[in-house]
Amino acid sequence: RVCPSQGLQPSLFEAGVQGFLTPR
């Protein structure tokens, strides 16, 4: 939410199931 460029996004499955919704 605070990223000024909106480049930070919640992961889907790029980080595997355990990484779901972690920022990338």
PDBML (XML) file of the C-alpha atoms, coordinates in Angstrom:
<?xml version="1.0" encoding="UTF-8" ?>
<PDBx:datablock datablockName="MODEL"
   xmlns:PDBx="http://pdbml.pdb.org/schema/pdbx-v50.xsd"
   xmlns:xsi="http://www.w3.org/2001/XMLSchema-instance"
   xsi:schemaLocation="http://pdbml.pdb.org/schema/pdbx-v50.xsd pdbx-v50.xsd">
   <PDBx:atom_siteCategory>
      <PDBx:atom_site id="1">
         <PDBx:B_iso_or_equiv>0.00</PDBx:B_iso_or_equiv>
         <PDBx:Cartn_x>0.000</PDBx:Cartn_x>
         <PDBx:Cartn_y>0.000</PDBx:Cartn_y>
         <PDBx:Cartn_z>0.000</PDBx:Cartn_z>
         <PDBx:auth_asym_id>A</PDBx:auth_asym_id>
         <PDBx:auth_atom_id>CA</PDBx:auth_atom_id>
         <PDBx:auth_comp_id>ARG</PDBx:auth_comp_id>
         <PDBx:auth_seq_id>1</PDBx:auth_seq_id>
         <PDBx:group_PDB>ATOM</PDBx:group_PDB>
         <PDBx:label_alt_id xsi:nil="true" />
         <PDBx:label_asym_id>A</PDBx:label_asym_id>
         <PDBx:label_atom_id>CA</PDBx:label_atom_id>
         <PDBx:label_comp_id>ARG</PDBx:label_comp_id>
         <PDBx:label_entity_id>1</PDBx:label_entity_id>
         <PDBx:label_seq_id>1</PDBx:label_seq_id>
         <PDBx:occupancy>1.00</PDBx:occupancy>
         <PDBx:pdbx_PDB_model_num>1</PDBx:pdbx_PDB_model_num>
         <PDBx:type_symbol>C</PDBx:type_symbol>
      </PDBx:atom_site>
      <PDBx:atom_site id="2">
         <PDBx:B_iso_or_equiv>0.00</PDBx:B_iso_or_equiv>
         <PDBx:Cartn_x>2.831</PDBx:Cartn_x>
         <PDBx:Cartn_y>2.412</PDBx:Cartn_y>
         <PDBx:Cartn_z>0.749</PDBx:Cartn_z>
         <PDBx:auth_asym_id>A</PDBx:auth_asym_id>
         <PDBx:auth_atom_id>CA</PDBx:auth_atom_id>
         <PDBx:auth_comp_id>VAL</PDBx:auth_comp_id>
         <PDBx:auth_seq_id>2</PDBx:auth_seq_id>
         <PDBx:group_PDB>ATOM</PDBx:group_PDB>
         <PDBx:label_alt_id xsi:nil="true" />
         <PDBx:label_asym_id>A</PDBx:label_asym_id>
         <PDBx:label_atom_id>CA</PDBx:label_atom_id>
         <PDBx:label_comp_id>VAL</PDBx:label_comp_id>
         <PDBx:label_entity_id>1</PDBx:label_entity_id>
         <PDBx:label_seq_id>2</PDBx:label_seq_id>
         <PDBx:occupancy>1.00</PDBx:occupancy>
         <PDBx:pdbx_PDB_model_num>1</PDBx:pdbx_PDB_model_num>
         <PDBx:type_symbol>C</PDBx:type_symbol>
      </PDBx:atom_site>
      <PDBx:atom_site id="3">
         <PDBx:B_iso_or_equiv>0.00</PDBx:B_iso_or_equiv>
         <PDBx:Cartn_x>4.893</PDBx:Cartn_x>
         <PDBx:Cartn_y>1.724</PDBx:Cartn_y>
         <PDBx:Cartn_z>-2.405</PDBx:Cartn_z>
         <PDBx:auth_asym_id>A</PDBx:auth_asym_id>
         <PDBx:auth_atom_id>CA</PDBx:auth_atom_id>
         <PDBx:auth_comp_id>CYS</PDBx:auth_comp_id>
         <PDBx:auth_seq_id>3</PDBx:auth_seq_id>
         <PDBx:group_PDB>ATOM</PDBx:group_PDB>
         <PDBx:label_alt_id xsi:nil="true" />
         <PDBx:label_asym_id>A</PDBx:label_asym_id>
         <PDBx:label_atom_id>CA</PDBx:label_atom_id>
         <PDBx:label_comp_id>CYS</PDBx:label_comp_id>
         <PDBx:label_entity_id>1</PDBx:label_entity_id>
         <PDBx:label_seq_id>3</PDBx:label_seq_id>
         <PDBx:occupancy>1.00</PDBx:occupancy>
         <PDBx:pdbx_PDB_model_num>1</PDBx:pdbx_PDB_model_num>
         <PDBx:type_symbol>C</PDBx:type_symbol>
      </PDBx:atom_site>
      <PDBx:atom_site id="4">
         <PDBx:B_iso_or_equiv>0.00</PDBx:B_iso_or_equiv>
         <PDBx:Cartn_x>4.856</PDBx:Cartn_x>
         <PDBx:Cartn_y>5.013</PDBx:Cartn_y>
         <PDBx:Cartn_z>-4.386</PDBx:Cartn_z>
         <PDBx:auth_asym_id>A</PDBx:auth_asym_id>
         <PDBx:auth_atom_id>CA</PDBx:auth_atom_id>
         <PDBx:auth_comp_id>PRO</PDBx:auth_comp_id>
         <PDBx:auth_seq_id>4</PDBx:auth_seq_id>
         <PDBx:group_PDB>ATOM</PDBx:group_PDB>
         <PDBx:label_alt_id xsi:nil="true" />
         <PDBx:label_asym_id>A</PDBx:label_asym_id>
         <PDBx:label_atom_id>CA</PDBx:label_atom_id>
         <PDBx:label_comp_id>PRO</PDBx:label_comp_id>
         <PDBx:label_entity_id>1</PDBx:label_entity_id>
         <PDBx:label_seq_id>4</PDBx:label_seq_id>
         <PDBx:occupancy>1.00</PDBx:occupancy>
         <PDBx:pdbx_PDB_model_num>1</PDBx:pdbx_PDB_model_num>
         <PDBx:type_symbol>C</PDBx:type_symbol>
      </PDBx:atom_site>
      <PDBx:atom_site id="5">
         <PDBx:B_iso_or_equiv>0.00</PDBx:B_iso_or_equiv>
         <PDBx:Cartn_x>5.377</PDBx:Cartn_x>
         <PDBx:Cartn_y>3.361</PDBx:Cartn_y>
         <PDBx:Cartn_z>-7.781</PDBx:Cartn_z>
         <PDBx:auth_asym_id>A</PDBx:auth_asym_id>
         <PDBx:auth_atom_id>CA</PDBx:auth_atom_id>
         <PDBx:auth_comp_id>SER</PDBx:auth_comp_id>
         <PDBx:auth_seq_id>5</PDBx:auth_seq_id>
         <PDBx:group_PDB>ATOM</PDBx:group_PDB>
         <PDBx:label_alt_id xsi:nil="true" />
         <PDBx:label_asym_id>A</PDBx:label_asym_id>
         <PDBx:label_atom_id>CA</PDBx:label_atom_id>
         <PDBx:label_comp_id>SER</PDBx:label_comp_id>
         <PDBx:label_entity_id>1</PDBx:label_entity_id>
         <PDBx:label_seq_id>5</PDBx:label_seq_id>
         <PDBx:occupancy>1.00</PDBx:occupancy>
         <PDBx:pdbx_PDB_model_num>1</PDBx:pdbx_PDB_model_num>
         <PDBx:type_symbol>C</PDBx:type_symbol>
      </PDBx:atom_site>
      <PDBx:atom_site id="6">
         <PDBx:B_iso_or_equiv>0.00</PDBx:B_iso_or_equiv>
         <PDBx:Cartn_x>2.859</PDBx:Cartn_x>
         <PDBx:Cartn_y>0.552</PDBx:Cartn_y>
         <PDBx:Cartn_z>-7.142</PDBx:Cartn_z>
         <PDBx:auth_asym_id>A</PDBx:auth_asym_id>
         <PDBx:auth_atom_id>CA</PDBx:auth_atom_id>
         <PDBx:auth_comp_id>GLN</PDBx:auth_comp_id>
         <PDBx:auth_seq_id>6</PDBx:auth_seq_id>
         <PDBx:group_PDB>ATOM</PDBx:group_PDB>
         <PDBx:label_alt_id xsi:nil="true" />
         <PDBx:label_asym_id>A</PDBx:label_asym_id>
         <PDBx:label_atom_id>CA</PDBx:label_atom_id>
         <PDBx:label_comp_id>GLN</PDBx:label_comp_id>
         <PDBx:label_entity_id>1</PDBx:label_entity_id>
         <PDBx:label_seq_id>6</PDBx:label_seq_id>
         <PDBx:occupancy>1.00</PDBx:occupancy>
         <PDBx:pdbx_PDB_model_num>1</PDBx:pdbx_PDB_model_num>
         <PDBx:type_symbol>C</PDBx:type_symbol>
      </PDBx:atom_site>
      <PDBx:atom_site id="7">
         <PDBx:B_iso_or_equiv>0.00</PDBx:B_iso_or_equiv>
         <PDBx:Cartn_x>5.596</PDBx:Cartn_x>
         <PDBx:Cartn_y>-1.832</PDBx:Cartn_y>
         <PDBx:Cartn_z>-8.247</PDBx:Cartn_z>
         <PDBx:auth_asym_id>A</PDBx:auth_asym_id>
         <PDBx:auth_atom_id>CA</PDBx:auth_atom_id>
         <PDBx:auth_comp_id>GLY</PDBx:auth_comp_id>
         <PDBx:auth_seq_id>7</PDBx:auth_seq_id>
         <PDBx:group_PDB>ATOM</PDBx:group_PDB>
         <PDBx:label_alt_id xsi:nil="true" />
         <PDBx:label_asym_id>A</PDBx:label_asym_id>
         <PDBx:label_atom_id>CA</PDBx:label_atom_id>
         <PDBx:label_comp_id>GLY</PDBx:label_comp_id>
         <PDBx:label_entity_id>1</PDBx:label_entity_id>
         <PDBx:label_seq_id>7</PDBx:label_seq_id>
         <PDBx:occupancy>1.00</PDBx:occupancy>
         <PDBx:pdbx_PDB_model_num>1</PDBx:pdbx_PDB_model_num>
         <PDBx:type_symbol>C</PDBx:type_symbol>
      </PDBx:atom_site>
      <PDBx:atom_site id="8">
         <PDBx:B_iso_or_equiv>0.00</PDBx:B_iso_or_equiv>
         <PDBx:Cartn_x>5.174</PDBx:Cartn_x>
         <PDBx:Cartn_y>-3.923</PDBx:Cartn_y>
         <PDBx:Cartn_z>-5.090</PDBx:Cartn_z>
         <PDBx:auth_asym_id>A</PDBx:auth_asym_id>
         <PDBx:auth_atom_id>CA</PDBx:auth_atom_id>
         <PDBx:auth_comp_id>LEU</PDBx:auth_comp_id>
         <PDBx:auth_seq_id>8</PDBx:auth_seq_id>
         <PDBx:group_PDB>ATOM</PDBx:group_PDB>
         <PDBx:label_alt_id xsi:nil="true" />
         <PDBx:label_asym_id>A</PDBx:label_asym_id>
         <PDBx:label_atom_id>CA</PDBx:label_atom_id>
         <PDBx:label_comp_id>LEU</PDBx:label_comp_id>
         <PDBx:label_entity_id>1</PDBx:label_entity_id>
         <PDBx:label_seq_id>8</PDBx:label_seq_id>
         <PDBx:occupancy>1.00</PDBx:occupancy>
         <PDBx:pdbx_PDB_model_num>1</PDBx:pdbx_PDB_model_num>
         <PDBx:type_symbol>C</PDBx:type_symbol>
      </PDBx:atom_site>
      <PDBx:atom_site id="9">
         <PDBx:B_iso_or_equiv>0.00</PDBx:B_iso_or_equiv>
         <PDBx:Cartn_x>2.386</PDBx:Cartn_x>
         <PDBx:Cartn_y>-6.413</PDBx:Cartn_y>
         <PDBx:Cartn_z>-5.681</PDBx:Cartn_z>
         <PDBx:auth_asym_id>A</PDBx:auth_asym_id>
         <PDBx:auth_atom_id>CA</PDBx:auth_atom_id>
         <PDBx:auth_comp_id>GLN</PDBx:auth_comp_id>
         <PDBx:auth_seq_id>9</PDBx:auth_seq_id>
         <PDBx:group_PDB>ATOM</PDBx:group_PDB>
         <PDBx:label_alt_id xsi:nil="true" />
         <PDBx:label_asym_id>A</PDBx:label_asym_id>
         <PDBx:label_atom_id>CA</PDBx:label_atom_id>
         <PDBx:label_comp_id>GLN</PDBx:label_comp_id>
         <PDBx:label_entity_id>1</PDBx:label_entity_id>
         <PDBx:label_seq_id>9</PDBx:label_seq_id>
         <PDBx:occupancy>1.00</PDBx:occupancy>
         <PDBx:pdbx_PDB_model_num>1</PDBx:pdbx_PDB_model_num>
         <PDBx:type_symbol>C</PDBx:type_symbol>
      </PDBx:atom_site>
      <PDBx:atom_site id="10">
         <PDBx:B_iso_or_equiv>0.00</PDBx:B_iso_or_equiv>
         <PDBx:Cartn_x>1.069</PDBx:Cartn_x>
         <PDBx:Cartn_y>-9.437</PDBx:Cartn_y>
         <PDBx:Cartn_z>-3.756</PDBx:Cartn_z>
         <PDBx:auth_asym_id>A</PDBx:auth_asym_id>
         <PDBx:auth_atom_id>CA</PDBx:auth_atom_id>
         <PDBx:auth_comp_id>PRO</PDBx:auth_comp_id>
         <PDBx:auth_seq_id>10</PDBx:auth_seq_id>
         <PDBx:group_PDB>ATOM</PDBx:group_PDB>
         <PDBx:label_alt_id xsi:nil="true" />
         <PDBx:label_asym_id>A</PDBx:label_asym_id>
         <PDBx:label_atom_id>CA</PDBx:label_atom_id>
         <PDBx:label_comp_id>PRO</PDBx:label_comp_id>
         <PDBx:label_entity_id>1</PDBx:label_entity_id>
         <PDBx:label_seq_id>10</PDBx:label_seq_id>
         <PDBx:occupancy>1.00</PDBx:occupancy>
         <PDBx:pdbx_PDB_model_num>1</PDBx:pdbx_PDB_model_num>
         <PDBx:type_symbol>C</PDBx:type_symbol>
      </PDBx:atom_site>
      <PDBx:atom_site id="11">
         <PDBx:B_iso_or_equiv>0.00</PDBx:B_iso_or_equiv>
         <PDBx:Cartn_x>2.467</PDBx:Cartn_x>
         <PDBx:Cartn_y>-12.720</PDBx:Cartn_y>
         <PDBx:Cartn_z>-5.075</PDBx:Cartn_z>
         <PDBx:auth_asym_id>A</PDBx:auth_asym_id>
         <PDBx:auth_atom_id>CA</PDBx:auth_atom_id>
         <PDBx:auth_comp_id>SER</PDBx:auth_comp_id>
         <PDBx:auth_seq_id>11</PDBx:auth_seq_id>
         <PDBx:group_PDB>ATOM</PDBx:group_PDB>
         <PDBx:label_alt_id xsi:nil="true" />
         <PDBx:label_asym_id>A</PDBx:label_asym_id>
         <PDBx:label_atom_id>CA</PDBx:label_atom_id>
         <PDBx:label_comp_id>SER</PDBx:label_comp_id>
         <PDBx:label_entity_id>1</PDBx:label_entity_id>
         <PDBx:label_seq_id>11</PDBx:label_seq_id>
         <PDBx:occupancy>1.00</PDBx:occupancy>
         <PDBx:pdbx_PDB_model_num>1</PDBx:pdbx_PDB_model_num>
         <PDBx:type_symbol>C</PDBx:type_symbol>
      </PDBx:atom_site>
      <PDBx:atom_site id="12">
         <PDBx:B_iso_or_equiv>0.00</PDBx:B_iso_or_equiv>
         <PDBx:Cartn_x>0.103</PDBx:Cartn_x>
         <PDBx:Cartn_y>-15.315</PDBx:Cartn_y>
         <PDBx:Cartn_z>-6.402</PDBx:Cartn_z>
         <PDBx:auth_asym_id>A</PDBx:auth_asym_id>
         <PDBx:auth_atom_id>CA</PDBx:auth_atom_id>
         <PDBx:auth_comp_id>LEU</PDBx:auth_comp_id>
         <PDBx:auth_seq_id>12</PDBx:auth_seq_id>
         <PDBx:group_PDB>ATOM</PDBx:group_PDB>
         <PDBx:label_alt_id xsi:nil="true" />
         <PDBx:label_asym_id>A</PDBx:label_asym_id>
         <PDBx:label_atom_id>CA</PDBx:label_atom_id>
         <PDBx:label_comp_id>LEU</PDBx:label_comp_id>
         <PDBx:label_entity_id>1</PDBx:label_entity_id>
         <PDBx:label_seq_id>12</PDBx:label_seq_id>
         <PDBx:occupancy>1.00</PDBx:occupancy>
         <PDBx:pdbx_PDB_model_num>1</PDBx:pdbx_PDB_model_num>
         <PDBx:type_symbol>C</PDBx:type_symbol>
      </PDBx:atom_site>
      <PDBx:atom_site id="13">
         <PDBx:B_iso_or_equiv>0.00</PDBx:B_iso_or_equiv>
         <PDBx:Cartn_x>2.019</PDBx:Cartn_x>
         <PDBx:Cartn_y>-18.571</PDBx:Cartn_y>
         <PDBx:Cartn_z>-6.784</PDBx:Cartn_z>
         <PDBx:auth_asym_id>A</PDBx:auth_asym_id>
         <PDBx:auth_atom_id>CA</PDBx:auth_atom_id>
         <PDBx:auth_comp_id>PHE</PDBx:auth_comp_id>
         <PDBx:auth_seq_id>13</PDBx:auth_seq_id>
         <PDBx:group_PDB>ATOM</PDBx:group_PDB>
         <PDBx:label_alt_id xsi:nil="true" />
         <PDBx:label_asym_id>A</PDBx:label_asym_id>
         <PDBx:label_atom_id>CA</PDBx:label_atom_id>
         <PDBx:label_comp_id>PHE</PDBx:label_comp_id>
         <PDBx:label_entity_id>1</PDBx:label_entity_id>
         <PDBx:label_seq_id>13</PDBx:label_seq_id>
         <PDBx:occupancy>1.00</PDBx:occupancy>
         <PDBx:pdbx_PDB_model_num>1</PDBx:pdbx_PDB_model_num>
         <PDBx:type_symbol>C</PDBx:type_symbol>
      </PDBx:atom_site>
      <PDBx:atom_site id="14">
         <PDBx:B_iso_or_equiv>0.00</PDBx:B_iso_or_equiv>
         <PDBx:Cartn_x>5.362</PDBx:Cartn_x>
         <PDBx:Cartn_y>-17.191</PDBx:Cartn_y>
         <PDBx:Cartn_z>-7.985</PDBx:Cartn_z>
         <PDBx:auth_asym_id>A</PDBx:auth_asym_id>
         <PDBx:auth_atom_id>CA</PDBx:auth_atom_id>
         <PDBx:auth_comp_id>GLU</PDBx:auth_comp_id>
         <PDBx:auth_seq_id>14</PDBx:auth_seq_id>
         <PDBx:group_PDB>ATOM</PDBx:group_PDB>
         <PDBx:label_alt_id xsi:nil="true" />
         <PDBx:label_asym_id>A</PDBx:label_asym_id>
         <PDBx:label_atom_id>CA</PDBx:label_atom_id>
         <PDBx:label_comp_id>GLU</PDBx:label_comp_id>
         <PDBx:label_entity_id>1</PDBx:label_entity_id>
         <PDBx:label_seq_id>14</PDBx:label_seq_id>
         <PDBx:occupancy>1.00</PDBx:occupancy>
         <PDBx:pdbx_PDB_model_num>1</PDBx:pdbx_PDB_model_num>
         <PDBx:type_symbol>C</PDBx:type_symbol>
      </PDBx:atom_site>
      <PDBx:atom_site id="15">
         <PDBx:B_iso_or_equiv>0.00</PDBx:B_iso_or_equiv>
         <PDBx:Cartn_x>6.774</PDBx:Cartn_x>
         <PDBx:Cartn_y>-18.007</PDBx:Cartn_y>
         <PDBx:Cartn_z>-4.552</PDBx:Cartn_z>
         <PDBx:auth_asym_id>A</PDBx:auth_asym_id>
         <PDBx:auth_atom_id>CA</PDBx:auth_atom_id>
         <PDBx:auth_comp_id>ALA</PDBx:auth_comp_id>
         <PDBx:auth_seq_id>15</PDBx:auth_seq_id>
         <PDBx:group_PDB>ATOM</PDBx:group_PDB>
         <PDBx:label_alt_id xsi:nil="true" />
         <PDBx:label_asym_id>A</PDBx:label_asym_id>
         <PDBx:label_atom_id>CA</PDBx:label_atom_id>
         <PDBx:label_comp_id>ALA</PDBx:label_comp_id>
         <PDBx:label_entity_id>1</PDBx:label_entity_id>
         <PDBx:label_seq_id>15</PDBx:label_seq_id>
         <PDBx:occupancy>1.00</PDBx:occupancy>
         <PDBx:pdbx_PDB_model_num>1</PDBx:pdbx_PDB_model_num>
         <PDBx:type_symbol>C</PDBx:type_symbol>
      </PDBx:atom_site>
      <PDBx:atom_site id="16">
         <PDBx:B_iso_or_equiv>0.00</PDBx:B_iso_or_equiv>
         <PDBx:Cartn_x>4.906</PDBx:Cartn_x>
         <PDBx:Cartn_y>-21.295</PDBx:Cartn_y>
         <PDBx:Cartn_z>-4.218</PDBx:Cartn_z>
         <PDBx:auth_asym_id>A</PDBx:auth_asym_id>
         <PDBx:auth_atom_id>CA</PDBx:auth_atom_id>
         <PDBx:auth_comp_id>GLY</PDBx:auth_comp_id>
         <PDBx:auth_seq_id>16</PDBx:auth_seq_id>
         <PDBx:group_PDB>ATOM</PDBx:group_PDB>
         <PDBx:label_alt_id xsi:nil="true" />
         <PDBx:label_asym_id>A</PDBx:label_asym_id>
         <PDBx:label_atom_id>CA</PDBx:label_atom_id>
         <PDBx:label_comp_id>GLY</PDBx:label_comp_id>
         <PDBx:label_entity_id>1</PDBx:label_entity_id>
         <PDBx:label_seq_id>16</PDBx:label_seq_id>
         <PDBx:occupancy>1.00</PDBx:occupancy>
         <PDBx:pdbx_PDB_model_num>1</PDBx:pdbx_PDB_model_num>
         <PDBx:type_symbol>C</PDBx:type_symbol>
      </PDBx:atom_site>
      <PDBx:atom_site id="17">
         <PDBx:B_iso_or_equiv>0.00</PDBx:B_iso_or_equiv>
         <PDBx:Cartn_x>1.851</PDBx:Cartn_x>
         <PDBx:Cartn_y>-22.001</PDBx:Cartn_y>
         <PDBx:Cartn_z>-2.101</PDBx:Cartn_z>
         <PDBx:auth_asym_id>A</PDBx:auth_asym_id>
         <PDBx:auth_atom_id>CA</PDBx:auth_atom_id>
         <PDBx:auth_comp_id>VAL</PDBx:auth_comp_id>
         <PDBx:auth_seq_id>17</PDBx:auth_seq_id>
         <PDBx:group_PDB>ATOM</PDBx:group_PDB>
         <PDBx:label_alt_id xsi:nil="true" />
         <PDBx:label_asym_id>A</PDBx:label_asym_id>
         <PDBx:label_atom_id>CA</PDBx:label_atom_id>
         <PDBx:label_comp_id>VAL</PDBx:label_comp_id>
         <PDBx:label_entity_id>1</PDBx:label_entity_id>
         <PDBx:label_seq_id>17</PDBx:label_seq_id>
         <PDBx:occupancy>1.00</PDBx:occupancy>
         <PDBx:pdbx_PDB_model_num>1</PDBx:pdbx_PDB_model_num>
         <PDBx:type_symbol>C</PDBx:type_symbol>
      </PDBx:atom_site>
      <PDBx:atom_site id="18">
         <PDBx:B_iso_or_equiv>0.00</PDBx:B_iso_or_equiv>
         <PDBx:Cartn_x>3.564</PDBx:Cartn_x>
         <PDBx:Cartn_y>-20.887</PDBx:Cartn_y>
         <PDBx:Cartn_z>1.095</PDBx:Cartn_z>
         <PDBx:auth_asym_id>A</PDBx:auth_asym_id>
         <PDBx:auth_atom_id>CA</PDBx:auth_atom_id>
         <PDBx:auth_comp_id>GLN</PDBx:auth_comp_id>
         <PDBx:auth_seq_id>18</PDBx:auth_seq_id>
         <PDBx:group_PDB>ATOM</PDBx:group_PDB>
         <PDBx:label_alt_id xsi:nil="true" />
         <PDBx:label_asym_id>A</PDBx:label_asym_id>
         <PDBx:label_atom_id>CA</PDBx:label_atom_id>
         <PDBx:label_comp_id>GLN</PDBx:label_comp_id>
         <PDBx:label_entity_id>1</PDBx:label_entity_id>
         <PDBx:label_seq_id>18</PDBx:label_seq_id>
         <PDBx:occupancy>1.00</PDBx:occupancy>
         <PDBx:pdbx_PDB_model_num>1</PDBx:pdbx_PDB_model_num>
         <PDBx:type_symbol>C</PDBx:type_symbol>
      </PDBx:atom_site>
      <PDBx:atom_site id="19">
         <PDBx:B_iso_or_equiv>0.00</PDBx:B_iso_or_equiv>
         <PDBx:Cartn_x>4.507</PDBx:Cartn_x>
         <PDBx:Cartn_y>-17.545</PDBx:Cartn_y>
         <PDBx:Cartn_z>-0.446</PDBx:Cartn_z>
         <PDBx:auth_asym_id>A</PDBx:auth_asym_id>
         <PDBx:auth_atom_id>CA</PDBx:auth_atom_id>
         <PDBx:auth_comp_id>GLY</PDBx:auth_comp_id>
         <PDBx:auth_seq_id>19</PDBx:auth_seq_id>
         <PDBx:group_PDB>ATOM</PDBx:group_PDB>
         <PDBx:label_alt_id xsi:nil="true" />
         <PDBx:label_asym_id>A</PDBx:label_asym_id>
         <PDBx:label_atom_id>CA</PDBx:label_atom_id>
         <PDBx:label_comp_id>GLY</PDBx:label_comp_id>
         <PDBx:label_entity_id>1</PDBx:label_entity_id>
         <PDBx:label_seq_id>19</PDBx:label_seq_id>
         <PDBx:occupancy>1.00</PDBx:occupancy>
         <PDBx:pdbx_PDB_model_num>1</PDBx:pdbx_PDB_model_num>
         <PDBx:type_symbol>C</PDBx:type_symbol>
      </PDBx:atom_site>
      <PDBx:atom_site id="20">
         <PDBx:B_iso_or_equiv>0.00</PDBx:B_iso_or_equiv>
         <PDBx:Cartn_x>0.939</PDBx:Cartn_x>
         <PDBx:Cartn_y>-16.682</PDBx:Cartn_y>
         <PDBx:Cartn_z>-1.449</PDBx:Cartn_z>
         <PDBx:auth_asym_id>A</PDBx:auth_asym_id>
         <PDBx:auth_atom_id>CA</PDBx:auth_atom_id>
         <PDBx:auth_comp_id>PHE</PDBx:auth_comp_id>
         <PDBx:auth_seq_id>20</PDBx:auth_seq_id>
         <PDBx:group_PDB>ATOM</PDBx:group_PDB>
         <PDBx:label_alt_id xsi:nil="true" />
         <PDBx:label_asym_id>A</PDBx:label_asym_id>
         <PDBx:label_atom_id>CA</PDBx:label_atom_id>
         <PDBx:label_comp_id>PHE</PDBx:label_comp_id>
         <PDBx:label_entity_id>1</PDBx:label_entity_id>
         <PDBx:label_seq_id>20</PDBx:label_seq_id>
         <PDBx:occupancy>1.00</PDBx:occupancy>
         <PDBx:pdbx_PDB_model_num>1</PDBx:pdbx_PDB_model_num>
         <PDBx:type_symbol>C</PDBx:type_symbol>
      </PDBx:atom_site>
      <PDBx:atom_site id="21">
         <PDBx:B_iso_or_equiv>0.00</PDBx:B_iso_or_equiv>
         <PDBx:Cartn_x>0.277</PDBx:Cartn_x>
         <PDBx:Cartn_y>-12.920</PDBx:Cartn_y>
         <PDBx:Cartn_z>-1.020</PDBx:Cartn_z>
         <PDBx:auth_asym_id>A</PDBx:auth_asym_id>
         <PDBx:auth_atom_id>CA</PDBx:auth_atom_id>
         <PDBx:auth_comp_id>LEU</PDBx:auth_comp_id>
         <PDBx:auth_seq_id>21</PDBx:auth_seq_id>
         <PDBx:group_PDB>ATOM</PDBx:group_PDB>
         <PDBx:label_alt_id xsi:nil="true" />
         <PDBx:label_asym_id>A</PDBx:label_asym_id>
         <PDBx:label_atom_id>CA</PDBx:label_atom_id>
         <PDBx:label_comp_id>LEU</PDBx:label_comp_id>
         <PDBx:label_entity_id>1</PDBx:label_entity_id>
         <PDBx:label_seq_id>21</PDBx:label_seq_id>
         <PDBx:occupancy>1.00</PDBx:occupancy>
         <PDBx:pdbx_PDB_model_num>1</PDBx:pdbx_PDB_model_num>
         <PDBx:type_symbol>C</PDBx:type_symbol>
      </PDBx:atom_site>
      <PDBx:atom_site id="22">
         <PDBx:B_iso_or_equiv>0.00</PDBx:B_iso_or_equiv>
         <PDBx:Cartn_x>3.848</PDBx:Cartn_x>
         <PDBx:Cartn_y>-12.106</PDBx:Cartn_y>
         <PDBx:Cartn_z>0.013</PDBx:Cartn_z>
         <PDBx:auth_asym_id>A</PDBx:auth_asym_id>
         <PDBx:auth_atom_id>CA</PDBx:auth_atom_id>
         <PDBx:auth_comp_id>THR</PDBx:auth_comp_id>
         <PDBx:auth_seq_id>22</PDBx:auth_seq_id>
         <PDBx:group_PDB>ATOM</PDBx:group_PDB>
         <PDBx:label_alt_id xsi:nil="true" />
         <PDBx:label_asym_id>A</PDBx:label_asym_id>
         <PDBx:label_atom_id>CA</PDBx:label_atom_id>
         <PDBx:label_comp_id>THR</PDBx:label_comp_id>
         <PDBx:label_entity_id>1</PDBx:label_entity_id>
         <PDBx:label_seq_id>22</PDBx:label_seq_id>
         <PDBx:occupancy>1.00</PDBx:occupancy>
         <PDBx:pdbx_PDB_model_num>1</PDBx:pdbx_PDB_model_num>
         <PDBx:type_symbol>C</PDBx:type_symbol>
      </PDBx:atom_site>
      <PDBx:atom_site id="23">
         <PDBx:B_iso_or_equiv>0.00</PDBx:B_iso_or_equiv>
         <PDBx:Cartn_x>5.150</PDBx:Cartn_x>
         <PDBx:Cartn_y>-8.912</PDBx:Cartn_y>
         <PDBx:Cartn_z>-1.647</PDBx:Cartn_z>
         <PDBx:auth_asym_id>A</PDBx:auth_asym_id>
         <PDBx:auth_atom_id>CA</PDBx:auth_atom_id>
         <PDBx:auth_comp_id>PRO</PDBx:auth_comp_id>
         <PDBx:auth_seq_id>23</PDBx:auth_seq_id>
         <PDBx:group_PDB>ATOM</PDBx:group_PDB>
         <PDBx:label_alt_id xsi:nil="true" />
         <PDBx:label_asym_id>A</PDBx:label_asym_id>
         <PDBx:label_atom_id>CA</PDBx:label_atom_id>
         <PDBx:label_comp_id>PRO</PDBx:label_comp_id>
         <PDBx:label_entity_id>1</PDBx:label_entity_id>
         <PDBx:label_seq_id>23</PDBx:label_seq_id>
         <PDBx:occupancy>1.00</PDBx:occupancy>
         <PDBx:pdbx_PDB_model_num>1</PDBx:pdbx_PDB_model_num>
         <PDBx:type_symbol>C</PDBx:type_symbol>
      </PDBx:atom_site>
      <PDBx:atom_site id="24">
         <PDBx:B_iso_or_equiv>0.00</PDBx:B_iso_or_equiv>
         <PDBx:Cartn_x>7.148</PDBx:Cartn_x>
         <PDBx:Cartn_y>-8.993</PDBx:Cartn_y>
         <PDBx:Cartn_z>-4.858</PDBx:Cartn_z>
         <PDBx:auth_asym_id>A</PDBx:auth_asym_id>
         <PDBx:auth_atom_id>CA</PDBx:auth_atom_id>
         <PDBx:auth_comp_id>ARG</PDBx:auth_comp_id>
         <PDBx:auth_seq_id>24</PDBx:auth_seq_id>
         <PDBx:group_PDB>ATOM</PDBx:group_PDB>
         <PDBx:label_alt_id xsi:nil="true" />
         <PDBx:label_asym_id>A</PDBx:label_asym_id>
         <PDBx:label_atom_id>CA</PDBx:label_atom_id>
         <PDBx:label_comp_id>ARG</PDBx:label_comp_id>
         <PDBx:label_entity_id>1</PDBx:label_entity_id>
         <PDBx:label_seq_id>24</PDBx:label_seq_id>
         <PDBx:occupancy>1.00</PDBx:occupancy>
         <PDBx:pdbx_PDB_model_num>1</PDBx:pdbx_PDB_model_num>
         <PDBx:type_symbol>C</PDBx:type_symbol>
      </PDBx:atom_site>
   </PDBx:atom_siteCategory>
</PDBx:datablock>
